[in-house]
Amino acid sequence: RRVLKPGGTLHFLEHGLAPDERVRRWQRRLDPVQKRIAGGCHLTRPILDLLKAAGFTIKELDVFYEKGASKFAGADSLGTALCL
């Protein structure tokens, strides 16, 4: 098992909860279906909250919608986090 050492940097690109409330409402409606058809994949994971709860400090962050994807499925968080 590999563990990130304190002071190590995590680079991440994750899809999750959208920045806009209107899109988040659709994500919540569609999440049960998404989990069934995509092997347990969630649309509504709060990526930043999960990283912070795991002991990371966010250093860089870009939240955006993937070009060509539906907003409910293409909300992404790209960044780096420091392991405490």
C-alpha atoms as a PDB file:
ATOM      1  CA  ARG A   1       0.000   0.000   0.000  1.00  0.00           C
ATOM      2  CA  ARG A   2       1.311   3.434  -0.936  1.00  0.00           C
ATOM      3  CA  VAL A   3       0.781   6.412   1.312  1.00  0.00           C
ATOM      4  CA  LEU A   4       1.473  10.028   0.425  1.00  0.00           C
ATOM      5  CA  LYS A   5       4.085  11.381   2.806  1.00  0.00           C
ATOM      6  CA  PRO A   6       3.468  14.587   4.784  1.00  0.00           C
ATOM      7  CA  GLY A   7       4.481  17.488   2.576  1.00  0.00           C
ATOM      8  CA  GLY A   8       3.752  15.461  -0.574  1.00  0.00           C
ATOM      9  CA  THR A   9       1.679  16.902  -3.395  1.00  0.00           C
ATOM     10  CA  LEU A  10      -1.446  15.293  -4.810  1.00  0.00           C
ATOM     11  CA  HIS A  11      -2.409  16.226  -8.375  1.00  0.00           C
ATOM     12  CA  PHE A  12      -6.093  15.616  -9.039  1.00  0.00           C
ATOM     13  CA  LEU A  13      -8.703  15.803 -11.762  1.00  0.00           C
ATOM     14  CA  GLU A  14     -12.099  14.669 -10.525  1.00  0.00           C
ATOM     15  CA  HIS A  15     -15.658  15.121 -11.666  1.00  0.00           C
ATOM     16  CA  GLY A  16     -18.152  15.957  -8.969  1.00  0.00           C
ATOM     17  CA  LEU A  17     -20.600  18.468  -7.638  1.00  0.00           C
ATOM     18  CA  ALA A  18     -21.115  21.393 -10.030  1.00  0.00           C
ATOM     19  CA  PRO A  19     -20.436  24.984  -9.005  1.00  0.00           C
ATOM     20  CA  ASP A  20     -23.944  26.129 -10.060  1.00  0.00           C
ATOM     21  CA  GLU A  21     -27.006  25.328  -7.944  1.00  0.00           C
ATOM     22  CA  ARG A  22     -29.233  24.758 -10.983  1.00  0.00           C
ATOM     23  CA  VAL A  23     -26.854  22.073 -12.287  1.00  0.00           C
ATOM     24  CA  ARG A  24     -26.456  20.573  -8.776  1.00  0.00           C
ATOM     25  CA  ARG A  25     -30.233  20.046  -8.609  1.00  0.00           C
ATOM     26  CA  TRP A  26     -30.057  17.985 -11.808  1.00  0.00           C
ATOM     27  CA  GLN A  27     -27.058  16.089 -10.501  1.00  0.00           C
ATOM     28  CA  ARG A  28     -28.984  15.122  -7.352  1.00  0.00           C
ATOM     29  CA  ARG A  29     -31.931  13.927  -9.441  1.00  0.00           C
ATOM     30  CA  LEU A  30     -29.752  11.876 -11.786  1.00  0.00           C
ATOM     31  CA  ASP A  31     -27.236  10.502  -9.254  1.00  0.00           C
ATOM     32  CA  PRO A  32     -29.195   7.299  -8.423  1.00  0.00           C
ATOM     33  CA  VAL A  33     -29.372   6.391 -12.114  1.00  0.00           C
ATOM     34  CA  GLN A  34     -25.722   7.352 -12.673  1.00  0.00           C
ATOM     35  CA  LYS A  35     -24.594   5.053  -9.845  1.00  0.00           C
ATOM     36  CA  ARG A  36     -26.411   2.102 -11.408  1.00  0.00           C
ATOM     37  CA  ILE A  37     -25.282   2.572 -14.989  1.00  0.00           C
ATOM     38  CA  ALA A  38     -21.718   3.733 -14.251  1.00  0.00           C
ATOM     39  CA  GLY A  39     -20.576   1.164 -11.719  1.00  0.00           C
ATOM     40  CA  GLY A  40     -21.188   3.226  -8.589  1.00  0.00           C
ATOM     41  CA  CYS A  41     -19.850   6.501  -9.974  1.00  0.00           C
ATOM     42  CA  HIS A  42     -21.376   9.565  -8.282  1.00  0.00           C
ATOM     43  CA  LEU A  43     -22.229  12.946  -9.790  1.00  0.00           C
ATOM     44  CA  THR A  44     -22.617  14.658  -6.425  1.00  0.00           C
ATOM     45  CA  ARG A  45     -19.314  14.112  -4.648  1.00  0.00           C
ATOM     46  CA  PRO A  46     -18.047  17.362  -3.048  1.00  0.00           C
ATOM     47  CA  ILE A  47     -14.425  16.920  -4.159  1.00  0.00           C
ATOM     48  CA  LEU A  48     -12.888  19.795  -2.157  1.00  0.00           C
ATOM     49  CA  ASP A  49     -14.690  18.833   1.049  1.00  0.00           C
ATOM     50  CA  LEU A  50     -13.514  15.230   0.688  1.00  0.00           C
ATOM     51  CA  LEU A  51      -9.901  16.257   0.129  1.00  0.00           C
ATOM     52  CA  LYS A  52      -9.938  18.622   3.103  1.00  0.00           C
ATOM     53  CA  ALA A  53     -11.515  15.953   5.330  1.00  0.00           C
ATOM     54  CA  ALA A  54      -8.728  13.565   4.290  1.00  0.00           C
ATOM     55  CA  GLY A  55      -6.132  16.039   5.569  1.00  0.00           C
ATOM     56  CA  PHE A  56      -5.151  17.882   2.410  1.00  0.00           C
ATOM     57  CA  THR A  57      -4.696  21.620   1.921  1.00  0.00           C
ATOM     58  CA  ILE A  58      -5.766  22.847  -1.517  1.00  0.00           C
ATOM     59  CA  LYS A  59      -2.954  24.742  -3.242  1.00  0.00           C
ATOM     60  CA  GLU A  60      -4.295  25.235  -6.777  1.00  0.00           C
ATOM     61  CA  LEU A  61      -7.818  24.773  -8.079  1.00  0.00           C
ATOM     62  CA  ASP A  62      -9.753  25.210 -11.301  1.00  0.00           C
ATOM     63  CA  VAL A  63     -13.431  24.239 -11.361  1.00  0.00           C
ATOM     64  CA  PHE A  64     -14.910  24.033 -14.852  1.00  0.00           C
ATOM     65  CA  TYR A  65     -17.295  22.232 -17.199  1.00  0.00           C
ATOM     66  CA  GLU A  66     -15.776  19.839 -19.735  1.00  0.00           C
ATOM     67  CA  LYS A  67     -16.106  21.100 -23.281  1.00  0.00           C
ATOM     68  CA  GLY A  68     -18.678  19.050 -25.193  1.00  0.00           C
ATOM     69  CA  ALA A  69     -20.061  17.306 -22.092  1.00  0.00           C
ATOM     70  CA  SER A  70     -23.414  17.829 -20.422  1.00  0.00           C
ATOM     71  CA  LYS A  71     -22.974  20.131 -17.444  1.00  0.00           C
ATOM     72  CA  PHE A  72     -24.455  17.614 -14.995  1.00  0.00           C
ATOM     73  CA  ALA A  73     -21.791  15.036 -15.970  1.00  0.00           C
ATOM     74  CA  GLY A  74     -18.911  17.335 -16.867  1.00  0.00           C
ATOM     75  CA  ALA A  75     -18.287  19.409 -13.747  1.00  0.00           C
ATOM     76  CA  ASP A  76     -14.576  18.976 -12.986  1.00  0.00           C
ATOM     77  CA  SER A  77     -12.103  20.034 -10.319  1.00  0.00           C
ATOM     78  CA  LEU A  78      -8.459  20.205 -11.393  1.00  0.00           C
ATOM     79  CA  GLY A  79      -5.704  21.093  -8.998  1.00  0.00           C
ATOM     80  CA  THR A  80      -3.039  20.238  -6.493  1.00  0.00           C
ATOM     81  CA  ALA A  81      -3.274  19.605  -2.785  1.00  0.00           C
ATOM     82  CA  LEU A  82      -0.633  19.346  -0.085  1.00  0.00           C
ATOM     83  CA  CYS A  83      -0.653  16.399   2.312  1.00  0.00           C
ATOM     84  CA  LEU A  84      -0.442  17.543   5.949  1.00  0.00           C
END
